[in-house]
């Protein structure tokens, strides 16, 4: 069969990890992506999504659009102040 001139494109998501302080989280215990913390430019953004870090087992979440990973910095605590 002759080549139809079609090419297969592969989408490669690069993983960028952003460490967050508890103060970086909103009052629901999460962050939005794209976030100013991820330093995404206007041209490479995607729809805004809420990522709930407080409810994640290891306080780490990944954006389903761009693959950016947000994690709570070691020693930081989400929730009540004791």
PDB file of N, CA and C in Angstrom:
ATOM      1  N   UNK A   1       0.846  -1.173   0.000  1.00  0.00           N
ATOM      2  CA  UNK A   1       0.000   0.000   0.000  1.00  0.00           C
ATOM      3  C   UNK A   1       0.892   1.237   0.000  1.00  0.00           C
ATOM      4  N   UNK A   2       0.570   2.176  -0.843  1.00  0.00           N
ATOM      5  CA  UNK A   2       1.357   3.401  -0.967  1.00  0.00           C
ATOM      6  C   UNK A   2       1.150   4.301   0.240  1.00  0.00           C
ATOM      7  N   UNK A   3       2.190   5.054   0.561  1.00  0.00           N
ATOM      8  CA  UNK A   3       2.114   6.023   1.657  1.00  0.00           C
ATOM      9  C   UNK A   3       1.112   7.111   1.277  1.00  0.00           C
ATOM     10  N   UNK A   4       0.158   7.341   2.103  1.00  0.00           N
ATOM     11  CA  UNK A   4      -0.887   8.331   1.834  1.00  0.00           C
ATOM     12  C   UNK A   4      -0.466   9.746   2.228  1.00  0.00           C
ATOM     13  N   UNK A   5       0.771   9.921   2.645  1.00  0.00           N
ATOM     14  CA  UNK A   5       1.236  11.240   3.047  1.00  0.00           C
ATOM     15  C   UNK A   5       0.808  11.617   4.454  1.00  0.00           C
ATOM     16  N   UNK A   6       0.241  10.678   5.186  1.00  0.00           N
ATOM     17  CA  UNK A   6      -0.194  10.933   6.557  1.00  0.00           C
ATOM     18  C   UNK A   6       0.961  10.670   7.499  1.00  0.00           C
ATOM     19  N   UNK A   7       1.063  11.479   8.508  1.00  0.00           N
ATOM     20  CA  UNK A   7       2.085  11.260   9.520  1.00  0.00           C
ATOM     21  C   UNK A   7       1.416  11.070  10.861  1.00  0.00           C
ATOM     22  N   UNK A   8       2.030  10.274  11.677  1.00  0.00           N
ATOM     23  CA  UNK A   8       1.513  10.047  13.026  1.00  0.00           C
ATOM     24  C   UNK A   8       2.197  11.031  13.953  1.00  0.00           C
ATOM     25  N   UNK A   9       1.404  11.748  14.721  1.00  0.00           N
ATOM     26  CA  UNK A   9       1.951  12.708  15.674  1.00  0.00           C
ATOM     27  C   UNK A   9       1.913  12.087  17.063  1.00  0.00           C
ATOM     28  N   UNK A  10       2.963  12.289  17.790  1.00  0.00           N
ATOM     29  CA  UNK A  10       3.041  11.809  19.160  1.00  0.00           C
ATOM     30  C   UNK A  10       3.024  13.006  20.088  1.00  0.00           C
ATOM     31  N   UNK A  11       2.130  12.978  21.028  1.00  0.00           N
ATOM     32  CA  UNK A  11       2.063  14.045  22.010  1.00  0.00           C
ATOM     33  C   UNK A  11       2.945  13.651  23.189  1.00  0.00           C
ATOM     34  N   UNK A  12       3.889  14.473  23.491  1.00  0.00           N
ATOM     35  CA  UNK A  12       4.793  14.221  24.605  1.00  0.00           C
ATOM     36  C   UNK A  12       4.527  15.268  25.667  1.00  0.00           C
ATOM     37  N   UNK A  13       4.118  14.808  26.844  1.00  0.00           N
ATOM     38  CA  UNK A  13       3.879  15.727  27.953  1.00  0.00           C
ATOM     39  C   UNK A  13       5.136  15.762  28.809  1.00  0.00           C
ATOM     40  N   UNK A  14       5.656  16.922  29.010  1.00  0.00           N
ATOM     41  CA  UNK A  14       6.808  17.048  29.878  1.00  0.00           C
ATOM     42  C   UNK A  14       6.301  17.271  31.290  1.00  0.00           C
ATOM     43  N   UNK A  15       6.912  16.616  32.220  1.00  0.00           N
ATOM     44  CA  UNK A  15       6.480  16.741  33.601  1.00  0.00           C
ATOM     45  C   UNK A  15       7.299  17.811  34.299  1.00  0.00           C
ATOM     46  N   UNK A  16       6.596  18.769  34.838  1.00  0.00           N
ATOM     47  CA  UNK A  16       7.204  19.830  35.620  1.00  0.00           C
ATOM     48  C   UNK A  16       6.603  19.701  37.004  1.00  0.00           C
ATOM     49  N   UNK A  17       7.432  19.677  38.040  1.00  0.00           N
ATOM     50  CA  UNK A  17       6.929  19.584  39.408  1.00  0.00           C
ATOM     51  C   UNK A  17       7.086  20.928  40.098  1.00  0.00           C
ATOM     52  N   UNK A  18       5.997  21.365  40.702  1.00  0.00           N
ATOM     53  CA  UNK A  18       5.989  22.623  41.433  1.00  0.00           C
ATOM     54  C   UNK A  18       5.706  22.325  42.890  1.00  0.00           C
ATOM     55  N   UNK A  19       6.653  22.676  43.750  1.00  0.00           N
ATOM     56  CA  UNK A  19       6.462  22.491  45.189  1.00  0.00           C
ATOM     57  C   UNK A  19       5.695  23.684  45.748  1.00  0.00           C
ATOM     58  N   UNK A  20       4.712  23.379  46.561  1.00  0.00           N
ATOM     59  CA  UNK A  20       3.844  24.409  47.114  1.00  0.00           C
ATOM     60  C   UNK A  20       3.979  24.504  48.624  1.00  0.00           C
ATOM     61  N   UNK A  21       3.832  25.698  49.130  1.00  0.00           N
ATOM     62  CA  UNK A  21       3.682  25.912  50.568  1.00  0.00           C
ATOM     63  C   UNK A  21       2.197  25.852  50.867  1.00  0.00           C
ATOM     64  N   UNK A  22       1.830  25.597  52.099  1.00  0.00           N
ATOM     65  CA  UNK A  22       0.419  25.580  52.479  1.00  0.00           C
ATOM     66  C   UNK A  22      -0.225  26.925  52.147  1.00  0.00           C
ATOM     67  N   UNK A  23       0.523  27.996  52.250  1.00  0.00           N
ATOM     68  CA  UNK A  23       0.008  29.336  51.958  1.00  0.00           C
ATOM     69  C   UNK A  23      -0.321  29.522  50.473  1.00  0.00           C
ATOM     70  N   UNK A  24       0.233  28.682  49.600  1.00  0.00           N
ATOM     71  CA  UNK A  24      -0.046  28.762  48.165  1.00  0.00           C
ATOM     72  C   UNK A  24      -1.405  28.171  47.805  1.00  0.00           C
ATOM     73  N   UNK A  25      -1.967  27.360  48.701  1.00  0.00           N
ATOM     74  CA  UNK A  25      -3.236  26.699  48.423  1.00  0.00           C
ATOM     75  C   UNK A  25      -4.398  27.644  48.682  1.00  0.00           C
ATOM     76  N   UNK A  26      -5.494  27.446  47.967  1.00  0.00           N
ATOM     77  CA  UNK A  26      -6.679  28.255  48.227  1.00  0.00           C
ATOM     78  C   UNK A  26      -7.404  27.695  49.461  1.00  0.00           C
ATOM     79  N   UNK A  27      -8.492  28.301  49.839  1.00  0.00           N
ATOM     80  CA  UNK A  27      -9.166  27.895  51.090  1.00  0.00           C
ATOM     81  C   UNK A  27      -9.757  26.490  51.021  1.00  0.00           C
ATOM     82  N   UNK A  28      -9.917  25.935  49.816  1.00  0.00           N
ATOM     83  CA  UNK A  28     -10.410  24.559  49.675  1.00  0.00           C
ATOM     84  C   UNK A  28      -9.270  23.541  49.723  1.00  0.00           C
ATOM     85  N   UNK A  29      -8.033  24.021  49.811  1.00  0.00           N
ATOM     86  CA  UNK A  29      -6.891  23.112  49.893  1.00  0.00           C
ATOM     87  C   UNK A  29      -6.374  22.672  48.542  1.00  0.00           C
ATOM     88  N   UNK A  30      -6.518  23.531  47.563  1.00  0.00           N
ATOM     89  CA  UNK A  30      -6.064  23.162  46.234  1.00  0.00           C
ATOM     90  C   UNK A  30      -5.439  24.319  45.495  1.00  0.00           C
ATOM     91  N   UNK A  31      -5.209  24.061  44.224  1.00  0.00           N
ATOM     92  CA  UNK A  31      -4.587  25.033  43.341  1.00  0.00           C
ATOM     93  C   UNK A  31      -5.239  24.888  41.965  1.00  0.00           C
ATOM     94  N   UNK A  32      -5.188  25.938  41.188  1.00  0.00           N
ATOM     95  CA  UNK A  32      -5.694  25.876  39.819  1.00  0.00           C
ATOM     96  C   UNK A  32      -4.519  25.732  38.858  1.00  0.00           C
ATOM     97  N   UNK A  33      -4.745  25.018  37.794  1.00  0.00           N
ATOM     98  CA  UNK A  33      -3.778  24.939  36.715  1.00  0.00           C
ATOM     99  C   UNK A  33      -4.500  25.377  35.454  1.00  0.00           C
ATOM    100  N   UNK A  34      -3.940  26.218  34.652  1.00  0.00           N
ATOM    101  CA  UNK A  34      -2.620  26.810  34.813  1.00  0.00           C
ATOM    102  C   UNK A  34      -2.570  27.759  36.008  1.00  0.00           C
ATOM    103  N   UNK A  35      -1.414  27.820  36.598  1.00  0.00           N
ATOM    104  CA  UNK A  35      -1.184  28.627  37.784  1.00  0.00           C
ATOM    105  C   UNK A  35      -0.046  29.598  37.509  1.00  0.00           C
ATOM    106  N   UNK A  36      -0.092  30.780  38.099  1.00  0.00           N
ATOM    107  CA  UNK A  36       1.055  31.683  37.957  1.00  0.00           C
ATOM    108  C   UNK A  36       2.349  31.025  38.445  1.00  0.00           C
ATOM    109  N   UNK A  37       2.217  30.072  39.366  1.00  0.00           N
ATOM    110  CA  UNK A  37       3.398  29.385  39.890  1.00  0.00           C
ATOM    111  C   UNK A  37       4.056  28.493  38.838  1.00  0.00           C
ATOM    112  N   UNK A  38       3.284  28.063  37.835  1.00  0.00           N
ATOM    113  CA  UNK A  38       3.842  27.187  36.805  1.00  0.00           C
ATOM    114  C   UNK A  38       4.504  27.977  35.679  1.00  0.00           C
ATOM    115  N   UNK A  39       4.363  29.294  35.716  1.00  0.00           N
ATOM    116  CA  UNK A  39       4.985  30.189  34.736  1.00  0.00           C
ATOM    117  C   UNK A  39       4.613  29.835  33.297  1.00  0.00           C
ATOM    118  N   UNK A  40       3.364  29.422  33.081  1.00  0.00           N
ATOM    119  CA  UNK A  40       2.891  29.150  31.736  1.00  0.00           C
ATOM    120  C   UNK A  40       2.609  30.476  31.047  1.00  0.00           C
ATOM    121  N   UNK A  41       2.950  30.562  29.799  1.00  0.00           N
ATOM    122  CA  UNK A  41       2.677  31.748  28.997  1.00  0.00           C
ATOM    123  C   UNK A  41       1.235  31.692  28.502  1.00  0.00           C
ATOM    124  N   UNK A  42       0.698  32.808  28.107  1.00  0.00           N
ATOM    125  CA  UNK A  42      -0.678  32.879  27.623  1.00  0.00           C
ATOM    126  C   UNK A  42      -0.893  31.922  26.451  1.00  0.00           C
ATOM    127  N   UNK A  43       0.073  31.793  25.570  1.00  0.00           N
ATOM    128  CA  UNK A  43      -0.087  30.984  24.366  1.00  0.00           C
ATOM    129  C   UNK A  43      -0.091  29.481  24.642  1.00  0.00           C
ATOM    130  N   UNK A  44       0.400  29.041  25.779  1.00  0.00           N
ATOM    131  CA  UNK A  44       0.462  27.594  26.012  1.00  0.00           C
ATOM    132  C   UNK A  44      -0.420  27.122  27.165  1.00  0.00           C
ATOM    133  N   UNK A  45      -1.444  27.892  27.484  1.00  0.00           N
ATOM    134  CA  UNK A  45      -2.331  27.500  28.569  1.00  0.00           C
ATOM    135  C   UNK A  45      -3.466  26.617  28.073  1.00  0.00           C
ATOM    136  N   UNK A  46      -4.218  26.108  29.001  1.00  0.00           N
ATOM    137  CA  UNK A  46      -5.346  25.227  28.727  1.00  0.00           C
ATOM    138  C   UNK A  46      -6.497  25.666  29.621  1.00  0.00           C
ATOM    139  N   UNK A  47      -7.665  25.040  29.518  1.00  0.00           N
ATOM    140  CA  UNK A  47      -8.770  25.423  30.412  1.00  0.00           C
ATOM    141  C   UNK A  47      -8.349  25.317  31.875  1.00  0.00           C
ATOM    142  N   UNK A  48      -8.846  26.225  32.685  1.00  0.00           N
ATOM    143  CA  UNK A  48      -8.517  26.245  34.112  1.00  0.00           C
ATOM    144  C   UNK A  48      -9.170  25.059  34.807  1.00  0.00           C
ATOM    145  N   UNK A  49      -8.381  24.293  35.557  1.00  0.00           N
ATOM    146  CA  UNK A  49      -8.898  23.149  36.316  1.00  0.00           C
ATOM    147  C   UNK A  49      -8.466  23.270  37.775  1.00  0.00           C
ATOM    148  N   UNK A  50      -9.348  22.832  38.673  1.00  0.00           N
ATOM    149  CA  UNK A  50      -9.057  22.825  40.106  1.00  0.00           C
ATOM    150  C   UNK A  50      -8.442  21.489  40.474  1.00  0.00           C
ATOM    151  N   UNK A  51      -7.338  21.519  41.180  1.00  0.00           N
ATOM    152  CA  UNK A  51      -6.653  20.313  41.633  1.00  0.00           C
ATOM    153  C   UNK A  51      -6.613  20.339  43.156  1.00  0.00           C
ATOM    154  N   UNK A  52      -7.255  19.373  43.789  1.00  0.00           N
ATOM    155  CA  UNK A  52      -7.373  19.350  45.241  1.00  0.00           C
ATOM    156  C   UNK A  52      -6.215  18.571  45.860  1.00  0.00           C
ATOM    157  N   UNK A  53      -5.285  19.281  46.408  1.00  0.00           N
ATOM    158  CA  UNK A  53      -4.110  18.667  47.033  1.00  0.00           C
ATOM    159  C   UNK A  53      -4.439  18.149  48.423  1.00  0.00           C
ATOM    160  N   UNK A  54      -5.333  18.834  49.122  1.00  0.00           N
ATOM    161  CA  UNK A  54      -5.676  18.455  50.499  1.00  0.00           C
ATOM    162  C   UNK A  54      -6.236  17.040  50.563  1.00  0.00           C
ATOM    163  N   UNK A  55      -6.974  16.626  49.548  1.00  0.00           N
ATOM    164  CA  UNK A  55      -7.584  15.295  49.561  1.00  0.00           C
ATOM    165  C   UNK A  55      -6.731  14.220  48.894  1.00  0.00           C
ATOM    166  N   UNK A  56      -5.628  14.609  48.290  1.00  0.00           N
ATOM    167  CA  UNK A  56      -4.744  13.629  47.656  1.00  0.00           C
ATOM    168  C   UNK A  56      -3.958  12.895  48.735  1.00  0.00           C
ATOM    169  N   UNK A  57      -3.854  11.595  48.589  1.00  0.00           N
ATOM    170  CA  UNK A  57      -3.212  10.769  49.615  1.00  0.00           C
ATOM    171  C   UNK A  57      -1.794  11.230  49.952  1.00  0.00           C
ATOM    172  N   UNK A  58      -1.013  11.560  48.952  1.00  0.00           N
ATOM    173  CA  UNK A  58       0.370  11.971  49.194  1.00  0.00           C
ATOM    174  C   UNK A  58       0.586  13.469  48.952  1.00  0.00           C
ATOM    175  N   UNK A  59      -0.523  14.233  48.945  1.00  0.00           N
ATOM    176  CA  UNK A  59      -0.478  15.681  48.717  1.00  0.00           C
ATOM    177  C   UNK A  59       0.262  16.021  47.428  1.00  0.00           C
ATOM    178  N   UNK A  60      -0.034  15.228  46.393  1.00  0.00           N
ATOM    179  CA  UNK A  60       0.566  15.409  45.073  1.00  0.00           C
ATOM    180  C   UNK A  60      -0.532  15.193  44.038  1.00  0.00           C
ATOM    181  N   UNK A  61      -0.670  16.130  43.103  1.00  0.00           N
ATOM    182  CA  UNK A  61      -1.667  16.009  42.046  1.00  0.00           C
ATOM    183  C   UNK A  61      -1.028  16.383  40.709  1.00  0.00           C
ATOM    184  N   UNK A  62      -1.578  15.843  39.645  1.00  0.00           N
ATOM    185  CA  UNK A  62      -1.071  16.106  38.300  1.00  0.00           C
ATOM    186  C   UNK A  62      -2.198  16.684  37.442  1.00  0.00           C
ATOM    187  N   UNK A  63      -1.884  17.719  36.705  1.00  0.00           N
ATOM    188  CA  UNK A  63      -2.860  18.325  35.809  1.00  0.00           C
ATOM    189  C   UNK A  63      -3.151  17.371  34.653  1.00  0.00           C
ATOM    190  N   UNK A  64      -4.435  17.094  34.391  1.00  0.00           N
ATOM    191  CA  UNK A  64      -4.766  16.178  33.299  1.00  0.00           C
ATOM    192  C   UNK A  64      -4.500  16.767  31.915  1.00  0.00           C
ATOM    193  N   UNK A  65      -4.352  18.063  31.816  1.00  0.00           N
ATOM    194  CA  UNK A  65      -4.108  18.699  30.519  1.00  0.00           C
ATOM    195  C   UNK A  65      -2.635  18.770  30.162  1.00  0.00           C
ATOM    196  N   UNK A  66      -1.827  19.312  31.055  1.00  0.00           N
ATOM    197  CA  UNK A  66      -0.430  19.579  30.704  1.00  0.00           C
ATOM    198  C   UNK A  66       0.570  18.673  31.417  1.00  0.00           C
ATOM    199  N   UNK A  67       0.120  17.930  32.423  1.00  0.00           N
ATOM    200  CA  UNK A  67       1.021  17.032  33.130  1.00  0.00           C
ATOM    201  C   UNK A  67       1.819  17.686  34.240  1.00  0.00           C
ATOM    202  N   UNK A  68       1.630  18.983  34.450  1.00  0.00           N
ATOM    203  CA  UNK A  68       2.344  19.651  35.539  1.00  0.00           C
ATOM    204  C   UNK A  68       1.926  19.017  36.856  1.00  0.00           C
ATOM    205  N   UNK A  69       2.905  18.718  37.671  1.00  0.00           N
ATOM    206  CA  UNK A  69       2.644  18.088  38.963  1.00  0.00           C
ATOM    207  C   UNK A  69       2.810  19.141  40.054  1.00  0.00           C
ATOM    208  N   UNK A  70       1.845  19.175  40.945  1.00  0.00           N
ATOM    209  CA  UNK A  70       1.891  20.077  42.092  1.00  0.00           C
ATOM    210  C   UNK A  70       1.996  19.212  43.334  1.00  0.00           C
ATOM    211  N   UNK A  71       2.939  19.533  44.207  1.00  0.00           N
ATOM    212  CA  UNK A  71       3.075  18.773  45.448  1.00  0.00           C
ATOM    213  C   UNK A  71       3.343  19.713  46.598  1.00  0.00           C
ATOM    214  N   UNK A  72       2.824  19.321  47.738  1.00  0.00           N
ATOM    215  CA  UNK A  72       3.038  20.103  48.944  1.00  0.00           C
ATOM    216  C   UNK A  72       4.473  19.867  49.416  1.00  0.00           C
ATOM    217  N   UNK A  73       5.168  20.925  49.697  1.00  0.00           N
ATOM    218  CA  UNK A  73       6.558  20.834  50.141  1.00  0.00           C
ATOM    219  C   UNK A  73       6.644  20.048  51.447  1.00  0.00           C
ATOM    220  N   UNK A  74       7.681  19.268  51.597  1.00  0.00           N
ATOM    221  CA  UNK A  74       7.889  18.464  52.805  1.00  0.00           C
ATOM    222  C   UNK A  74       7.840  19.355  54.041  1.00  0.00           C
ATOM    223  N   UNK A  75       7.117  18.908  55.046  1.00  0.00           N
ATOM    224  CA  UNK A  75       6.989  19.650  56.292  1.00  0.00           C
ATOM    225  C   UNK A  75       5.813  20.603  56.333  1.00  0.00           C
ATOM    226  N   UNK A  76       5.184  20.856  55.185  1.00  0.00           N
ATOM    227  CA  UNK A  76       4.012  21.733  55.141  1.00  0.00           C
ATOM    228  C   UNK A  76       2.766  20.911  55.479  1.00  0.00           C
ATOM    229  N   UNK A  77       1.794  21.548  56.085  1.00  0.00           N
ATOM    230  CA  UNK A  77       0.557  20.873  56.486  1.00  0.00           C
ATOM    231  C   UNK A  77      -0.647  21.609  55.934  1.00  0.00           C
ATOM    232  N   UNK A  78      -1.619  20.835  55.467  1.00  0.00           N
ATOM    233  CA  UNK A  78      -2.864  21.394  54.940  1.00  0.00           C
ATOM    234  C   UNK A  78      -3.911  21.301  56.023  1.00  0.00           C
ATOM    235  N   UNK A  79      -4.723  22.333  56.155  1.00  0.00           N
ATOM    236  CA  UNK A  79      -5.833  22.257  57.089  1.00  0.00           C
ATOM    237  C   UNK A  79      -5.627  23.099  58.317  1.00  0.00           C
ATOM    238  N   UNK A  80      -6.216  22.621  59.417  1.00  0.00           N
ATOM    239  CA  UNK A  80      -6.240  23.373  60.666  1.00  0.00           C
ATOM    240  C   UNK A  80      -4.865  23.715  61.188  1.00  0.00           C
ATOM    241  N   UNK A  81      -4.792  24.812  61.877  1.00  0.00           N
ATOM    242  CA  UNK A  81      -3.528  25.265  62.474  1.00  0.00           C
ATOM    243  C   UNK A  81      -3.508  24.837  63.929  1.00  0.00           C
ATOM    244  N   UNK A  82      -2.499  24.074  64.295  1.00  0.00           N
ATOM    245  CA  UNK A  82      -2.388  23.582  65.683  1.00  0.00           C
ATOM    246  C   UNK A  82      -1.169  24.152  66.351  1.00  0.00           C
TER     247      UNK A  82
END
